[in-house]
Amino acid sequence: MRILAGAYASQKQNACRLPPRARSFRRRLLAWYARHGRRLPWRGLNDPYAVLVSEVMLQQTQVRRVTGFFPRFLARYPTLEDLAAAPPDAVREAWDGLGYYARARNLHAAAREVVDRLGGALPARPADLRRLPGIGRYTAGAVASIAFGANVPALDTNATRVLGRVLGIRRGGGAARRQARLWRLAEALVPRGRAGDWNQALMDLGATICVARAPRCPVCPVRQSCALGFGRS
């Protein structure tokens, strides 16, 4: 599988130009996701605001904690306009128990900026999303791909682990350089028109099978494509 990393480095987002093993990796992972993807309360919602709320909540917080908070927060603030109009203390109260309260402040500030400056429409481009408070590269990629269908990657900790193992990108040589390389390769792998599913599939595989410790390699749907065999890292 080492050939993949070298081949991806010069490839664009074009399935027919990717190595056959890369296409197999994508096909297997998307098929697995269609059958075994996690059923989460924010998935399948046709609302960019709801996607944004879920992604901000998921920053530095485990999924199982967010699943309970997300419906309650959305019931209290169902739209960007509702959130933007809320007093800061009320938003802080609604976030109580989830932790990392700077996220609530940033989400509130982002909602106000979208309403005041952008006419209430959340931007679709990652570069524009990143101009909003509290939205970094991952969150922008996740919202753009899931909510708007943009053909962009979104590497959280789980997706980074999966790609690092599958592509054989070992640690060492500088964390920043490794991360930059993974983002370039992730961009080449994104299937056009399926970016949202693809990004969520990588996250789900890393969260449930390709975990940090004791990965479940014998049942991994992409084990044939993994450069590290049984997930050694």
C-alpha atoms as a PDB file:
ATOM      1  CA  MET A   1       0.000   0.000   0.000  1.00  0.00           C
ATOM      2  CA  ARG A   2       3.000   2.321   0.158  1.00  0.00           C
ATOM      3  CA  ILE A   3       2.508   3.025  -3.525  1.00  0.00           C
ATOM      4  CA  LEU A   4      -0.729   4.768  -2.619  1.00  0.00           C
ATOM      5  CA  ALA A   5       0.864   7.600  -0.688  1.00  0.00           C
ATOM      6  CA  GLY A   6       3.264   8.339  -3.508  1.00  0.00           C
ATOM      7  CA  ALA A   7       0.571   8.088  -6.134  1.00  0.00           C
ATOM      8  CA  TYR A   8      -1.886  10.274  -4.220  1.00  0.00           C
ATOM      9  CA  ALA A   9       0.623  13.031  -3.861  1.00  0.00           C
ATOM     10  CA  SER A  10       0.234  13.963  -7.524  1.00  0.00           C
ATOM     11  CA  GLN A  11      -3.414  12.971  -7.990  1.00  0.00           C
ATOM     12  CA  LYS A  12      -6.456  15.236  -8.115  1.00  0.00           C
ATOM     13  CA  GLN A  13      -9.965  14.355  -6.995  1.00  0.00           C
ATOM     14  CA  ASN A  14     -10.632  12.100  -9.924  1.00  0.00           C
ATOM     15  CA  ALA A  15     -11.582   8.505  -9.220  1.00  0.00           C
ATOM     16  CA  CYS A  16     -10.420   7.215 -12.594  1.00  0.00           C
ATOM     17  CA  ARG A  17      -6.901   8.544 -11.954  1.00  0.00           C
ATOM     18  CA  LEU A  18      -6.511   7.035  -8.510  1.00  0.00           C
ATOM     19  CA  PRO A  19      -4.657   3.722  -8.141  1.00  0.00           C
ATOM     20  CA  PRO A  20      -6.974   0.688  -8.259  1.00  0.00           C
ATOM     21  CA  ARG A  21      -6.237  -0.132  -4.626  1.00  0.00           C
ATOM     22  CA  ALA A  22      -7.319   3.352  -3.632  1.00  0.00           C
ATOM     23  CA  ARG A  23     -10.607   2.937  -5.460  1.00  0.00           C
ATOM     24  CA  SER A  24     -11.075  -0.399  -3.694  1.00  0.00           C
ATOM     25  CA  PHE A  25     -10.414   1.267  -0.335  1.00  0.00           C
ATOM     26  CA  ARG A  26     -13.054   3.922  -1.021  1.00  0.00           C
ATOM     27  CA  ARG A  27     -15.578   1.430  -2.331  1.00  0.00           C
ATOM     28  CA  ARG A  28     -15.211  -0.918   0.619  1.00  0.00           C
ATOM     29  CA  LEU A  29     -15.384   1.857   3.203  1.00  0.00           C
ATOM     30  CA  LEU A  30     -18.450   3.506   1.692  1.00  0.00           C
ATOM     31  CA  ALA A  31     -20.225   0.147   1.443  1.00  0.00           C
ATOM     32  CA  TRP A  32     -19.442  -0.562   5.098  1.00  0.00           C
ATOM     33  CA  TYR A  33     -20.654   2.896   6.113  1.00  0.00           C
ATOM     34  CA  ALA A  34     -23.950   2.416   4.283  1.00  0.00           C
ATOM     35  CA  ARG A  35     -24.625  -0.672   6.398  1.00  0.00           C
ATOM     36  CA  HIS A  36     -22.880   0.069   9.676  1.00  0.00           C
ATOM     37  CA  GLY A  37     -22.551   3.842   9.994  1.00  0.00           C
ATOM     38  CA  ARG A  38     -23.523   5.153  13.402  1.00  0.00           C
ATOM     39  CA  ARG A  39     -27.095   6.369  13.762  1.00  0.00           C
ATOM     40  CA  LEU A  40     -26.678   9.768  15.364  1.00  0.00           C
ATOM     41  CA  PRO A  41     -29.348  12.439  16.005  1.00  0.00           C
ATOM     42  CA  TRP A  42     -27.675  15.015  13.758  1.00  0.00           C
ATOM     43  CA  ARG A  43     -27.229  12.761  10.752  1.00  0.00           C
ATOM     44  CA  GLY A  44     -29.689  13.040   7.918  1.00  0.00           C
ATOM     45  CA  LEU A  45     -30.830  16.517   8.951  1.00  0.00           C
ATOM     46  CA  ASN A  46     -31.098  18.827   5.960  1.00  0.00           C
ATOM     47  CA  ASP A  47     -30.019  21.869   7.959  1.00  0.00           C
ATOM     48  CA  PRO A  48     -26.519  23.397   7.820  1.00  0.00           C
ATOM     49  CA  TYR A  49     -27.113  25.065  11.192  1.00  0.00           C
ATOM     50  CA  ALA A  50     -27.804  21.702  12.854  1.00  0.00           C
ATOM     51  CA  VAL A  51     -24.646  20.285  11.295  1.00  0.00           C
ATOM     52  CA  LEU A  52     -22.649  23.239  12.605  1.00  0.00           C
ATOM     53  CA  VAL A  53     -24.052  22.828  16.119  1.00  0.00           C
ATOM     54  CA  SER A  54     -23.215  19.121  16.151  1.00  0.00           C
ATOM     55  CA  GLU A  55     -19.677  19.666  14.903  1.00  0.00           C
ATOM     56  CA  VAL A  56     -18.952  22.400  17.437  1.00  0.00           C
ATOM     57  CA  MET A  57     -20.305  20.178  20.218  1.00  0.00           C
ATOM     58  CA  LEU A  58     -18.128  17.295  19.040  1.00  0.00           C
ATOM     59  CA  GLN A  59     -14.951  19.339  19.377  1.00  0.00           C
ATOM     60  CA  GLN A  60     -13.019  17.696  22.231  1.00  0.00           C
ATOM     61  CA  THR A  61     -16.128  15.830  23.391  1.00  0.00           C
ATOM     62  CA  GLN A  62     -17.103  12.179  22.963  1.00  0.00           C
ATOM     63  CA  VAL A  63     -20.080  11.311  20.801  1.00  0.00           C
ATOM     64  CA  ARG A  64     -22.046   9.656  23.597  1.00  0.00           C
ATOM     65  CA  ARG A  65     -22.085  12.900  25.590  1.00  0.00           C
ATOM     66  CA  VAL A  66     -23.188  14.981  22.619  1.00  0.00           C
ATOM     67  CA  THR A  67     -26.091  12.723  21.667  1.00  0.00           C
ATOM     68  CA  GLY A  68     -28.053  13.847  24.716  1.00  0.00           C
ATOM     69  CA  PHE A  69     -27.146  17.542  24.558  1.00  0.00           C
ATOM     70  CA  PHE A  70     -27.711  18.078  20.868  1.00  0.00           C
ATOM     71  CA  PRO A  71     -31.516  17.558  20.740  1.00  0.00           C
ATOM     72  CA  ARG A  72     -32.081  19.703  23.831  1.00  0.00           C
ATOM     73  CA  PHE A  73     -29.942  22.563  22.547  1.00  0.00           C
ATOM     74  CA  LEU A  74     -31.607  22.454  19.134  1.00  0.00           C
ATOM     75  CA  ALA A  75     -35.060  22.403  20.727  1.00  0.00           C
ATOM     76  CA  ARG A  76     -34.157  25.557  22.638  1.00  0.00           C
ATOM     77  CA  TYR A  77     -32.451  27.270  19.684  1.00  0.00           C
ATOM     78  CA  PRO A  78     -33.864  25.681  16.514  1.00  0.00           C
ATOM     79  CA  THR A  79     -32.420  28.254  14.090  1.00  0.00           C
ATOM     80  CA  LEU A  80     -29.401  30.491  13.677  1.00  0.00           C
ATOM     81  CA  GLU A  81     -31.651  33.469  14.222  1.00  0.00           C
ATOM     82  CA  ASP A  82     -32.919  32.072  17.518  1.00  0.00           C
ATOM     83  CA  LEU A  83     -29.382  31.491  18.740  1.00  0.00           C
ATOM     84  CA  ALA A  84     -28.162  34.885  17.568  1.00  0.00           C
ATOM     85  CA  ALA A  85     -30.976  36.639  19.419  1.00  0.00           C
ATOM     86  CA  ALA A  86     -30.372  34.824  22.706  1.00  0.00           C
ATOM     87  CA  PRO A  87     -28.594  36.509  25.636  1.00  0.00           C
ATOM     88  CA  PRO A  88     -25.067  35.165  26.274  1.00  0.00           C
ATOM     89  CA  ASP A  89     -26.011  33.925  29.758  1.00  0.00           C
ATOM     90  CA  ALA A  90     -28.877  31.886  28.342  1.00  0.00           C
ATOM     91  CA  VAL A  91     -26.625  30.234  25.771  1.00  0.00           C
ATOM     92  CA  ARG A  92     -24.091  29.463  28.489  1.00  0.00           C
ATOM     93  CA  GLU A  93     -26.846  27.886  30.573  1.00  0.00           C
ATOM     94  CA  ALA A  94     -28.029  25.752  27.658  1.00  0.00           C
ATOM     95  CA  TRP A  95     -24.446  24.504  27.245  1.00  0.00           C
ATOM     96  CA  ASP A  96     -24.059  23.718  30.931  1.00  0.00           C
ATOM     97  CA  GLY A  97     -22.567  20.274  31.510  1.00  0.00           C
ATOM     98  CA  LEU A  98     -20.983  19.867  28.092  1.00  0.00           C
ATOM     99  CA  GLY A  99     -17.765  21.640  29.048  1.00  0.00           C
ATOM    100  CA  TYR A 100     -15.290  23.735  27.063  1.00  0.00           C
ATOM    101  CA  TYR A 101     -17.577  26.744  27.283  1.00  0.00           C
ATOM    102  CA  ALA A 102     -15.527  28.781  24.839  1.00  0.00           C
ATOM    103  CA  ARG A 103     -17.281  26.683  22.190  1.00  0.00           C
ATOM    104  CA  ALA A 104     -20.651  28.055  23.269  1.00  0.00           C
ATOM    105  CA  ARG A 105     -19.339  31.603  23.131  1.00  0.00           C
ATOM    106  CA  ASN A 106     -17.839  31.037  19.690  1.00  0.00           C
ATOM    107  CA  LEU A 107     -20.976  29.365  18.348  1.00  0.00           C
ATOM    108  CA  HIS A 108     -23.080  32.236  19.659  1.00  0.00           C
ATOM    109  CA  ALA A 109     -20.698  34.785  18.129  1.00  0.00           C
ATOM    110  CA  ALA A 110     -20.705  32.900  14.821  1.00  0.00           C
ATOM    111  CA  ALA A 111     -24.515  32.881  14.748  1.00  0.00           C
ATOM    112  CA  ARG A 112     -24.621  36.620  15.366  1.00  0.00           C
ATOM    113  CA  GLU A 113     -22.057  37.269  12.660  1.00  0.00           C
ATOM    114  CA  VAL A 114     -23.946  35.146  10.133  1.00  0.00           C
ATOM    115  CA  VAL A 115     -27.214  36.916  10.920  1.00  0.00           C
ATOM    116  CA  ASP A 116     -25.766  40.434  11.057  1.00  0.00           C
ATOM    117  CA  ARG A 117     -23.232  40.246   8.250  1.00  0.00           C
ATOM    118  CA  LEU A 118     -24.295  37.375   5.978  1.00  0.00           C
ATOM    119  CA  GLY A 119     -28.043  37.719   5.933  1.00  0.00           C
ATOM    120  CA  GLY A 120     -28.626  34.622   8.039  1.00  0.00           C
ATOM    121  CA  ALA A 121     -27.185  32.160   5.506  1.00  0.00           C
ATOM    122  CA  LEU A 122     -24.322  30.005   6.717  1.00  0.00           C
ATOM    123  CA  PRO A 123     -21.536  30.108   4.101  1.00  0.00           C
ATOM    124  CA  ALA A 124     -20.910  26.965   2.080  1.00  0.00           C
ATOM    125  CA  ARG A 125     -17.217  27.422   1.291  1.00  0.00           C
ATOM    126  CA  PRO A 126     -14.659  26.149   3.831  1.00  0.00           C
ATOM    127  CA  ALA A 127     -12.592  29.322   3.501  1.00  0.00           C
ATOM    128  CA  ASP A 128     -15.621  31.440   4.404  1.00  0.00           C
ATOM    129  CA  LEU A 129     -16.635  29.157   7.255  1.00  0.00           C
ATOM    130  CA  ARG A 130     -13.152  29.443   8.739  1.00  0.00           C
ATOM    131  CA  ARG A 131     -13.613  33.185   9.073  1.00  0.00           C
ATOM    132  CA  LEU A 132     -16.311  32.570  11.681  1.00  0.00           C
ATOM    133  CA  PRO A 133     -15.383  32.357  15.385  1.00  0.00           C
ATOM    134  CA  GLY A 134     -14.349  28.923  16.610  1.00  0.00           C
ATOM    135  CA  ILE A 135     -14.318  27.193  13.219  1.00  0.00           C
ATOM    136  CA  GLY A 136     -11.047  25.582  12.221  1.00  0.00           C
ATOM    137  CA  ARG A 137     -10.032  23.480   9.260  1.00  0.00           C
ATOM    138  CA  TYR A 138     -11.714  20.279  10.381  1.00  0.00           C
ATOM    139  CA  THR A 139     -15.030  21.871  11.364  1.00  0.00           C
ATOM    140  CA  ALA A 140     -15.135  23.893   8.151  1.00  0.00           C
ATOM    141  CA  GLY A 141     -14.499  20.777   6.072  1.00  0.00           C
ATOM    142  CA  ALA A 142     -17.096  18.766   7.960  1.00  0.00           C
ATOM    143  CA  VAL A 143     -19.828  21.405   7.650  1.00  0.00           C
ATOM    144  CA  ALA A 144     -19.018  22.158   3.994  1.00  0.00           C
ATOM    145  CA  SER A 145     -19.009  18.490   2.967  1.00  0.00           C
ATOM    146  CA  ILE A 146     -21.916  17.213   5.074  1.00  0.00           C
ATOM    147  CA  ALA A 147     -24.241  20.209   4.839  1.00  0.00           C
ATOM    148  CA  PHE A 148     -23.387  21.552   1.390  1.00  0.00           C
ATOM    149  CA  GLY A 149     -21.864  18.618  -0.484  1.00  0.00           C
ATOM    150  CA  ALA A 150     -18.512  20.331  -1.021  1.00  0.00           C
ATOM    151  CA  ASN A 151     -15.800  17.968  -2.243  1.00  0.00           C
ATOM    152  CA  VAL A 152     -13.426  18.643   0.640  1.00  0.00           C
ATOM    153  CA  PRO A 153     -11.819  16.465   3.330  1.00  0.00           C
ATOM    154  CA  ALA A 154     -12.403  16.688   7.064  1.00  0.00           C
ATOM    155  CA  LEU A 155      -9.754  15.062   9.247  1.00  0.00           C
ATOM    156  CA  ASP A 156     -10.579  14.633  12.897  1.00  0.00           C
ATOM    157  CA  THR A 157      -8.491  12.447  15.210  1.00  0.00           C
ATOM    158  CA  ASN A 158     -10.245   9.270  14.080  1.00  0.00           C
ATOM    159  CA  ALA A 159     -10.011   9.976  10.354  1.00  0.00           C
ATOM    160  CA  THR A 160      -6.362  10.958  10.727  1.00  0.00           C
ATOM    161  CA  ARG A 161      -5.605   7.653  12.426  1.00  0.00           C
ATOM    162  CA  VAL A 162      -7.369   5.637   9.724  1.00  0.00           C
ATOM    163  CA  LEU A 163      -5.608   7.346   6.833  1.00  0.00           C
ATOM    164  CA  GLY A 164      -2.271   7.268   8.598  1.00  0.00           C
ATOM    165  CA  ARG A 165      -2.523   3.505   9.009  1.00  0.00           C
ATOM    166  CA  VAL A 166      -4.016   2.685   5.626  1.00  0.00           C
ATOM    167  CA  LEU A 167      -1.539   4.845   3.727  1.00  0.00           C
ATOM    168  CA  GLY A 168       1.432   3.907   5.872  1.00  0.00           C
ATOM    169  CA  ILE A 169       2.180   7.479   6.952  1.00  0.00           C
ATOM    170  CA  ARG A 170       4.190   6.811  10.067  1.00  0.00           C
ATOM    171  CA  ARG A 171       4.794   9.163  12.939  1.00  0.00           C
ATOM    172  CA  GLY A 172       8.087  10.986  12.998  1.00  0.00           C
ATOM    173  CA  GLY A 173       9.667  13.701  10.938  1.00  0.00           C
ATOM    174  CA  GLY A 174       7.519  16.363  12.545  1.00  0.00           C
ATOM    175  CA  ALA A 175       3.835  16.299  13.459  1.00  0.00           C
ATOM    176  CA  ALA A 176       3.016  19.374  11.380  1.00  0.00           C
ATOM    177  CA  ARG A 177       4.620  17.908   8.259  1.00  0.00           C
ATOM    178  CA  ARG A 178       2.821  14.595   8.737  1.00  0.00           C
ATOM    179  CA  GLN A 179      -0.510  16.345   9.233  1.00  0.00           C
ATOM    180  CA  ALA A 180      -0.023  18.501   6.145  1.00  0.00           C
ATOM    181  CA  ARG A 181       0.749  15.414   4.091  1.00  0.00           C
ATOM    182  CA  LEU A 182      -2.333  13.613   5.360  1.00  0.00           C
ATOM    183  CA  TRP A 183      -4.544  16.570   4.438  1.00  0.00           C
ATOM    184  CA  ARG A 184      -3.121  16.555   0.899  1.00  0.00           C
ATOM    185  CA  LEU A 185      -3.730  12.834   0.530  1.00  0.00           C
ATOM    186  CA  ALA A 186      -7.192  13.132   2.062  1.00  0.00           C
ATOM    187  CA  GLU A 187      -8.093  15.745  -0.541  1.00  0.00           C
ATOM    188  CA  ALA A 188      -7.068  13.389  -3.324  1.00  0.00           C
ATOM    189  CA  LEU A 189      -9.195  10.594  -1.891  1.00  0.00           C
ATOM    190  CA  VAL A 190     -12.475  12.494  -1.502  1.00  0.00           C
ATOM    191  CA  PRO A 191     -15.060  10.934  -3.860  1.00  0.00           C
ATOM    192  CA  ARG A 192     -16.830  13.655  -5.795  1.00  0.00           C
ATOM    193  CA  GLY A 193     -20.461  13.899  -4.768  1.00  0.00           C
ATOM    194  CA  ARG A 194     -19.923  11.654  -1.718  1.00  0.00           C
ATOM    195  CA  ALA A 195     -17.656  13.814   0.435  1.00  0.00           C
ATOM    196  CA  GLY A 196     -20.042  13.982   3.382  1.00  0.00           C
ATOM    197  CA  ASP A 197     -20.536  10.219   3.507  1.00  0.00           C
ATOM    198  CA  TRP A 198     -16.821   9.634   2.976  1.00  0.00           C
ATOM    199  CA  ASN A 199     -15.706  11.923   5.787  1.00  0.00           C
ATOM    200  CA  GLN A 200     -18.231  10.434   8.185  1.00  0.00           C
ATOM    201  CA  ALA A 201     -17.236   6.912   7.134  1.00  0.00           C
ATOM    202  CA  LEU A 202     -13.598   7.610   8.018  1.00  0.00           C
ATOM    203  CA  MET A 203     -14.658   9.033  11.382  1.00  0.00           C
ATOM    204  CA  ASP A 204     -16.905   6.064  12.146  1.00  0.00           C
ATOM    205  CA  LEU A 205     -14.287   3.488  11.215  1.00  0.00           C
ATOM    206  CA  GLY A 206     -11.750   5.199  13.452  1.00  0.00           C
ATOM    207  CA  ALA A 207     -14.234   5.443  16.314  1.00  0.00           C
ATOM    208  CA  THR A 208     -15.515   1.863  16.230  1.00  0.00           C
ATOM    209  CA  ILE A 209     -12.939  -0.433  14.591  1.00  0.00           C
ATOM    210  CA  CYS A 210      -9.648   1.324  13.787  1.00  0.00           C
ATOM    211  CA  VAL A 211      -9.379   2.583  17.347  1.00  0.00           C
ATOM    212  CA  ALA A 212      -6.197   3.935  18.912  1.00  0.00           C
ATOM    213  CA  ARG A 213      -5.560   0.908  21.120  1.00  0.00           C
ATOM    214  CA  ALA A 214      -6.333  -2.691  20.243  1.00  0.00           C
ATOM    215  CA  PRO A 215      -7.835  -2.010  16.791  1.00  0.00           C
ATOM    216  CA  ARG A 216     -10.271  -4.675  15.595  1.00  0.00           C
ATOM    217  CA  CYS A 217      -8.318  -5.456  12.455  1.00  0.00           C
ATOM    218  CA  PRO A 218      -9.784  -8.910  11.678  1.00  0.00           C
ATOM    219  CA  VAL A 219     -13.222  -7.341  11.156  1.00  0.00           C
ATOM    220  CA  CYS A 220     -12.037  -4.154   9.444  1.00  0.00           C
ATOM    221  CA  PRO A 221     -13.739  -3.682   6.058  1.00  0.00           C
ATOM    222  CA  VAL A 222     -10.600  -2.127   4.534  1.00  0.00           C
ATOM    223  CA  ARG A 223      -7.989  -4.487   5.998  1.00  0.00           C
ATOM    224  CA  GLN A 224      -6.991  -5.619   2.500  1.00  0.00           C
ATOM    225  CA  SER A 225      -5.970  -2.061   1.706  1.00  0.00           C
ATOM    226  CA  CYS A 226      -4.130  -1.284   4.925  1.00  0.00           C
ATOM    227  CA  ALA A 227      -0.402  -0.669   4.574  1.00  0.00           C
ATOM    228  CA  LEU A 228       0.178  -1.695   8.178  1.00  0.00           C
ATOM    229  CA  GLY A 229      -1.479  -5.073   8.012  1.00  0.00           C
ATOM    230  CA  PHE A 230      -3.242  -5.494  11.337  1.00  0.00           C
ATOM    231  CA  GLY A 231      -3.113  -1.824  12.245  1.00  0.00           C
ATOM    232  CA  ARG A 232       0.401  -1.627  13.633  1.00  0.00           C
ATOM    233  CA  SER A 233       1.511   1.961  14.142  1.00  0.00           C
END
